[in-house]
Amino acid sequence: MKRIVLTFGLIGGAIVCLMMYTQMAFIDRIGFDRGEIIGYTSMVLAFLMVFFGIRSYRDNVAGGSIGFGRAFGVGLLITLVICACYVVSWEVAYFGFGFFGDFTERYAAHVIEQARASGATDAQLAERTAEMARMQELYRNPLVNIGMTLLEILPVGLVMTLVSAGILGRRSRRAAVAAQTA
């Protein structure tokens, strides 16, 4: 099981990290709004590895039959590997190399400009500016940064794990019939 979890988890992690770096390299061209769509789409693509990992476990280790609980467990482990890759990759790029060092400033400017374009009053703009300043300060703390980064990807992974376990985590008809006739 460990080999399957690591194989599919690292493939999914590589997909999501490669897409994150590519997206951040071109964020000025694609914009934050489209970047968010691209980011979550790449997460869903990466979490397809959960489905394939559970299927591989079912077919190659569990003899073609797997229950929901076991499928969910395998999928959750793959999800955690993908999430760990994403978080570590972001932290290394953000704090280690400073690749995304001005990300919070650029994102804050984008949010404030969106508020301005939507007709926010001066009081609302001031409130939004203060909110973004608090967010930037929090984001400088590595533990908060890790938590916020994990909260970006983990819910997507949990949904994909539940769906994959639901689809693949049924005992096969052949196994059910064999159990009844035995």
C-alpha atoms as a PDB file:
ATOM      1  CA  MET A   1       0.000   0.000   0.000  1.00  0.00           C
ATOM      2  CA  LYS A   2       2.833   2.369   0.835  1.00  0.00           C
ATOM      3  CA  ARG A   3       4.211   2.146  -2.694  1.00  0.00           C
ATOM      4  CA  ILE A   4       0.822   2.932  -4.253  1.00  0.00           C
ATOM      5  CA  VAL A   5       0.188   5.841  -1.881  1.00  0.00           C
ATOM      6  CA  LEU A   6       3.604   7.363  -2.516  1.00  0.00           C
ATOM      7  CA  THR A   7       3.544   6.762  -6.272  1.00  0.00           C
ATOM      8  CA  PHE A   8       0.141   8.305  -6.896  1.00  0.00           C
ATOM      9  CA  GLY A   9       0.588  10.951  -4.199  1.00  0.00           C
ATOM     10  CA  LEU A  10       3.890  12.147  -5.632  1.00  0.00           C
ATOM     11  CA  ILE A  11       2.535  12.164  -9.190  1.00  0.00           C
ATOM     12  CA  GLY A  12      -0.421  14.266  -8.020  1.00  0.00           C
ATOM     13  CA  GLY A  13       1.918  16.478  -6.008  1.00  0.00           C
ATOM     14  CA  ALA A  14       4.132  17.020  -9.041  1.00  0.00           C
ATOM     15  CA  ILE A  15       1.108  17.981 -11.152  1.00  0.00           C
ATOM     16  CA  VAL A  16      -0.237  20.518  -8.678  1.00  0.00           C
ATOM     17  CA  CYS A  17       3.194  21.996  -7.905  1.00  0.00           C
ATOM     18  CA  LEU A  18       4.192  22.305 -11.555  1.00  0.00           C
ATOM     19  CA  MET A  19       0.891  24.027 -12.321  1.00  0.00           C
ATOM     20  CA  MET A  20       1.283  26.334  -9.314  1.00  0.00           C
ATOM     21  CA  TYR A  21       4.751  27.447 -10.405  1.00  0.00           C
ATOM     22  CA  THR A  22       3.626  27.901 -14.001  1.00  0.00           C
ATOM     23  CA  GLN A  23       0.589  29.863 -12.938  1.00  0.00           C
ATOM     24  CA  MET A  24       2.554  32.119 -10.607  1.00  0.00           C
ATOM     25  CA  ALA A  25       5.115  32.783 -13.324  1.00  0.00           C
ATOM     26  CA  PHE A  26       2.360  34.121 -15.565  1.00  0.00           C
ATOM     27  CA  ILE A  27       0.008  35.610 -12.958  1.00  0.00           C
ATOM     28  CA  ASP A  28       0.466  39.108 -14.364  1.00  0.00           C
ATOM     29  CA  ARG A  29      -0.737  37.919 -17.770  1.00  0.00           C
ATOM     30  CA  ILE A  30      -3.577  35.662 -16.682  1.00  0.00           C
ATOM     31  CA  GLY A  31      -4.781  37.713 -13.716  1.00  0.00           C
ATOM     32  CA  PHE A  32      -5.827  36.609 -10.249  1.00  0.00           C
ATOM     33  CA  ASP A  33      -9.398  35.719 -11.205  1.00  0.00           C
ATOM     34  CA  ARG A  34      -8.419  33.363 -14.008  1.00  0.00           C
ATOM     35  CA  GLY A  35      -5.482  32.200 -11.915  1.00  0.00           C
ATOM     36  CA  GLU A  36      -7.868  31.028  -9.218  1.00  0.00           C
ATOM     37  CA  ILE A  37      -9.853  29.009 -11.759  1.00  0.00           C
ATOM     38  CA  ILE A  38      -6.682  27.526 -13.210  1.00  0.00           C
ATOM     39  CA  GLY A  39      -5.380  26.762  -9.722  1.00  0.00           C
ATOM     40  CA  TYR A  40      -8.443  24.864  -8.575  1.00  0.00           C
ATOM     41  CA  THR A  41      -8.705  23.072 -11.924  1.00  0.00           C
ATOM     42  CA  SER A  42      -5.120  21.882 -11.544  1.00  0.00           C
ATOM     43  CA  MET A  43      -5.951  20.677  -8.022  1.00  0.00           C
ATOM     44  CA  VAL A  44      -8.839  18.606  -9.368  1.00  0.00           C
ATOM     45  CA  LEU A  45      -6.546  17.170 -12.057  1.00  0.00           C
ATOM     46  CA  ALA A  46      -3.926  16.321  -9.439  1.00  0.00           C
ATOM     47  CA  PHE A  47      -6.530  14.688  -7.219  1.00  0.00           C
ATOM     48  CA  LEU A  48      -7.558  12.392 -10.068  1.00  0.00           C
ATOM     49  CA  MET A  49      -4.507  10.469  -8.846  1.00  0.00           C
ATOM     50  CA  VAL A  50      -6.586   9.586  -5.763  1.00  0.00           C
ATOM     51  CA  PHE A  51      -9.077   7.787  -8.005  1.00  0.00           C
ATOM     52  CA  PHE A  52      -6.354   5.977  -9.923  1.00  0.00           C
ATOM     53  CA  GLY A  53      -4.488   5.129  -6.721  1.00  0.00           C
ATOM     54  CA  ILE A  54      -7.557   3.612  -5.074  1.00  0.00           C
ATOM     55  CA  ARG A  55      -8.309   1.680  -8.264  1.00  0.00           C
ATOM     56  CA  SER A  56      -4.733   0.410  -8.407  1.00  0.00           C
ATOM     57  CA  TYR A  57      -4.926  -0.686  -4.774  1.00  0.00           C
ATOM     58  CA  ARG A  58      -8.274  -2.404  -5.375  1.00  0.00           C
ATOM     59  CA  ASP A  59      -7.070  -4.227  -8.488  1.00  0.00           C
ATOM     60  CA  ASN A  60      -3.486  -5.077  -7.488  1.00  0.00           C
ATOM     61  CA  VAL A  61      -3.566  -5.477  -3.709  1.00  0.00           C
ATOM     62  CA  ALA A  62      -7.139  -6.100  -2.596  1.00  0.00           C
ATOM     63  CA  GLY A  63      -7.975  -8.702  -5.214  1.00  0.00           C
ATOM     64  CA  GLY A  64     -10.516  -6.646  -7.152  1.00  0.00           C
ATOM     65  CA  SER A  65     -12.746  -5.787  -4.217  1.00  0.00           C
ATOM     66  CA  ILE A  66     -12.513  -2.976  -1.700  1.00  0.00           C
ATOM     67  CA  GLY A  67     -14.884  -1.517   0.860  1.00  0.00           C
ATOM     68  CA  PHE A  68     -15.660   2.172   1.196  1.00  0.00           C
ATOM     69  CA  GLY A  69     -13.658   2.524   4.412  1.00  0.00           C
ATOM     70  CA  ARG A  70     -10.469   1.013   3.006  1.00  0.00           C
ATOM     71  CA  ALA A  71     -10.879   2.987  -0.235  1.00  0.00           C
ATOM     72  CA  PHE A  72     -11.354   6.172   1.760  1.00  0.00           C
ATOM     73  CA  GLY A  73      -8.260   5.388   3.847  1.00  0.00           C
ATOM     74  CA  VAL A  74      -6.071   4.804   0.806  1.00  0.00           C
ATOM     75  CA  GLY A  75      -7.467   7.914  -0.880  1.00  0.00           C
ATOM     76  CA  LEU A  76      -6.927  10.022   2.233  1.00  0.00           C
ATOM     77  CA  LEU A  77      -3.281   8.986   2.428  1.00  0.00           C
ATOM     78  CA  ILE A  78      -2.765   9.901  -1.236  1.00  0.00           C
ATOM     79  CA  THR A  79      -4.541  13.213  -0.600  1.00  0.00           C
ATOM     80  CA  LEU A  80      -2.254  13.970   2.336  1.00  0.00           C
ATOM     81  CA  VAL A  81       0.840  13.301   0.215  1.00  0.00           C
ATOM     82  CA  ILE A  82      -0.447  15.643  -2.514  1.00  0.00           C
ATOM     83  CA  CYS A  83      -1.316  18.315   0.065  1.00  0.00           C
ATOM     84  CA  ALA A  84       2.096  17.997   1.706  1.00  0.00           C
ATOM     85  CA  CYS A  85       3.807  18.451  -1.670  1.00  0.00           C
ATOM     86  CA  TYR A  86       1.710  21.548  -2.370  1.00  0.00           C
ATOM     87  CA  VAL A  87       2.308  23.137   1.033  1.00  0.00           C
ATOM     88  CA  VAL A  88       6.039  22.387   1.120  1.00  0.00           C
ATOM     89  CA  SER A  89       6.448  23.632  -2.436  1.00  0.00           C
ATOM     90  CA  TRP A  90       4.635  26.895  -1.648  1.00  0.00           C
ATOM     91  CA  GLU A  91       6.574  27.456   1.595  1.00  0.00           C
ATOM     92  CA  VAL A  92       9.940  26.836  -0.044  1.00  0.00           C
ATOM     93  CA  ALA A  93       9.099  29.180  -2.911  1.00  0.00           C
ATOM     94  CA  TYR A  94       7.559  31.855  -0.660  1.00  0.00           C
ATOM     95  CA  PHE A  95       9.988  31.904   2.254  1.00  0.00           C
ATOM     96  CA  GLY A  96      13.024  30.002   0.984  1.00  0.00           C
ATOM     97  CA  PHE A  97      13.591  31.594  -2.402  1.00  0.00           C
ATOM     98  CA  GLY A  98      11.245  34.547  -2.256  1.00  0.00           C
ATOM     99  CA  PHE A  99       9.742  33.658  -5.648  1.00  0.00           C
ATOM    100  CA  PHE A 100       6.300  34.698  -4.486  1.00  0.00           C
ATOM    101  CA  GLY A 101       7.491  37.250  -1.924  1.00  0.00           C
ATOM    102  CA  ASP A 102       5.393  40.102  -3.267  1.00  0.00           C
ATOM    103  CA  PHE A 103       2.359  37.888  -3.830  1.00  0.00           C
ATOM    104  CA  THR A 104       0.412  39.244  -0.861  1.00  0.00           C
ATOM    105  CA  GLU A 105       1.050  42.845  -1.892  1.00  0.00           C
ATOM    106  CA  ARG A 106      -0.067  42.201  -5.465  1.00  0.00           C
ATOM    107  CA  TYR A 107      -3.098  40.229  -4.336  1.00  0.00           C
ATOM    108  CA  ALA A 108      -4.088  42.943  -1.833  1.00  0.00           C
ATOM    109  CA  ALA A 109      -3.828  45.582  -4.562  1.00  0.00           C
ATOM    110  CA  HIS A 110      -6.005  43.399  -6.809  1.00  0.00           C
ATOM    111  CA  VAL A 111      -8.697  42.955  -4.139  1.00  0.00           C
ATOM    112  CA  ILE A 112      -8.767  46.669  -3.343  1.00  0.00           C
ATOM    113  CA  GLU A 113      -8.973  47.532  -7.045  1.00  0.00           C
ATOM    114  CA  GLN A 114     -11.873  45.090  -7.457  1.00  0.00           C
ATOM    115  CA  ALA A 115     -13.676  46.762  -4.569  1.00  0.00           C
ATOM    116  CA  ARG A 116     -13.040  50.177  -6.096  1.00  0.00           C
ATOM    117  CA  ALA A 117     -14.289  49.012  -9.512  1.00  0.00           C
ATOM    118  CA  SER A 118     -17.468  47.596  -7.954  1.00  0.00           C
ATOM    119  CA  GLY A 119     -18.332  51.025  -6.538  1.00  0.00           C
ATOM    120  CA  ALA A 120     -17.228  50.663  -2.920  1.00  0.00           C
ATOM    121  CA  THR A 121     -17.410  53.777  -0.789  1.00  0.00           C
ATOM    122  CA  ASP A 122     -14.319  55.344   0.765  1.00  0.00           C
ATOM    123  CA  ALA A 123     -15.226  53.793   4.121  1.00  0.00           C
ATOM    124  CA  GLN A 124     -15.585  50.350   2.521  1.00  0.00           C
ATOM    125  CA  LEU A 125     -12.265  50.797   0.711  1.00  0.00           C
ATOM    126  CA  ALA A 126     -10.574  51.786   3.970  1.00  0.00           C
ATOM    127  CA  GLU A 127     -12.064  48.726   5.675  1.00  0.00           C
ATOM    128  CA  ARG A 128     -10.951  46.465   2.825  1.00  0.00           C
ATOM    129  CA  THR A 129      -7.451  47.999   2.882  1.00  0.00           C
ATOM    130  CA  ALA A 130      -7.181  47.374   6.631  1.00  0.00           C
ATOM    131  CA  GLU A 131      -8.419  43.800   6.147  1.00  0.00           C
ATOM    132  CA  MET A 132      -5.794  43.174   3.473  1.00  0.00           C
ATOM    133  CA  ALA A 133      -3.070  44.661   5.704  1.00  0.00           C
ATOM    134  CA  ARG A 134      -4.073  42.247   8.496  1.00  0.00           C
ATOM    135  CA  MET A 135      -4.022  39.355   6.034  1.00  0.00           C
ATOM    136  CA  GLN A 136      -0.550  40.330   4.810  1.00  0.00           C
ATOM    137  CA  GLU A 137       0.745  40.487   8.384  1.00  0.00           C
ATOM    138  CA  LEU A 138      -0.724  37.079   9.212  1.00  0.00           C
ATOM    139  CA  TYR A 139       0.684  35.592   6.020  1.00  0.00           C
ATOM    140  CA  ARG A 140       4.225  36.522   7.106  1.00  0.00           C
ATOM    141  CA  ASN A 141       3.953  33.994   9.952  1.00  0.00           C
ATOM    142  CA  PRO A 142       5.078  30.619   8.539  1.00  0.00           C
ATOM    143  CA  LEU A 143       2.609  28.616  10.646  1.00  0.00           C
ATOM    144  CA  VAL A 144      -0.340  30.731   9.523  1.00  0.00           C
ATOM    145  CA  ASN A 145       0.975  30.573   5.968  1.00  0.00           C
ATOM    146  CA  ILE A 146       1.112  26.772   6.165  1.00  0.00           C
ATOM    147  CA  GLY A 147      -2.419  26.615   7.557  1.00  0.00           C
ATOM    148  CA  MET A 148      -3.854  28.937   4.919  1.00  0.00           C
ATOM    149  CA  THR A 149      -2.072  27.086   2.135  1.00  0.00           C
ATOM    150  CA  LEU A 150      -3.329  23.742   3.431  1.00  0.00           C
ATOM    151  CA  LEU A 151      -6.878  25.103   3.611  1.00  0.00           C
ATOM    152  CA  GLU A 152      -6.682  25.974  -0.084  1.00  0.00           C
ATOM    153  CA  ILE A 153      -6.100  22.410  -1.228  1.00  0.00           C
ATOM    154  CA  LEU A 154      -7.325  20.026   1.484  1.00  0.00           C
ATOM    155  CA  PRO A 155     -11.094  20.523   0.934  1.00  0.00           C
ATOM    156  CA  VAL A 156     -10.686  19.744  -2.763  1.00  0.00           C
ATOM    157  CA  GLY A 157      -8.759  16.604  -1.861  1.00  0.00           C
ATOM    158  CA  LEU A 158     -11.349  15.471   0.671  1.00  0.00           C
ATOM    159  CA  VAL A 159     -14.183  15.868  -1.833  1.00  0.00           C
ATOM    160  CA  MET A 160     -12.249  13.965  -4.493  1.00  0.00           C
ATOM    161  CA  THR A 161     -11.412  11.247  -1.930  1.00  0.00           C
ATOM    162  CA  LEU A 162     -15.062  10.855  -0.915  1.00  0.00           C
ATOM    163  CA  VAL A 163     -16.224  10.702  -4.533  1.00  0.00           C
ATOM    164  CA  SER A 164     -13.487   8.242  -5.523  1.00  0.00           C
ATOM    165  CA  ALA A 165     -14.106   6.013  -2.498  1.00  0.00           C
ATOM    166  CA  GLY A 166     -17.821   6.083  -3.242  1.00  0.00           C
ATOM    167  CA  ILE A 167     -17.308   5.055  -6.842  1.00  0.00           C
ATOM    168  CA  LEU A 168     -14.593   2.450  -6.274  1.00  0.00           C
ATOM    169  CA  GLY A 169     -15.290   1.402  -2.707  1.00  0.00           C
ATOM    170  CA  ARG A 170     -18.085  -1.008  -3.410  1.00  0.00           C
ATOM    171  CA  ARG A 171     -17.565  -4.674  -3.176  1.00  0.00           C
ATOM    172  CA  SER A 172     -17.552  -6.145  -6.662  1.00  0.00           C
ATOM    173  CA  ARG A 173     -20.642  -8.103  -7.735  1.00  0.00           C
ATOM    174  CA  ARG A 174     -18.496 -11.158  -8.308  1.00  0.00           C
ATOM    175  CA  ALA A 175     -17.190 -10.987  -4.730  1.00  0.00           C
ATOM    176  CA  ALA A 176     -20.699 -10.434  -3.344  1.00  0.00           C
ATOM    177  CA  VAL A 177     -22.077 -13.412  -5.302  1.00  0.00           C
ATOM    178  CA  ALA A 178     -19.150 -15.584  -4.229  1.00  0.00           C
ATOM    179  CA  ALA A 179     -19.745 -14.635  -0.585  1.00  0.00           C
ATOM    180  CA  GLN A 180     -23.439 -15.514  -0.841  1.00  0.00           C
ATOM    181  CA  THR A 181     -22.845 -18.897  -2.448  1.00  0.00           C
ATOM    182  CA  ALA A 182     -20.135 -19.887   0.022  1.00  0.00           C
END
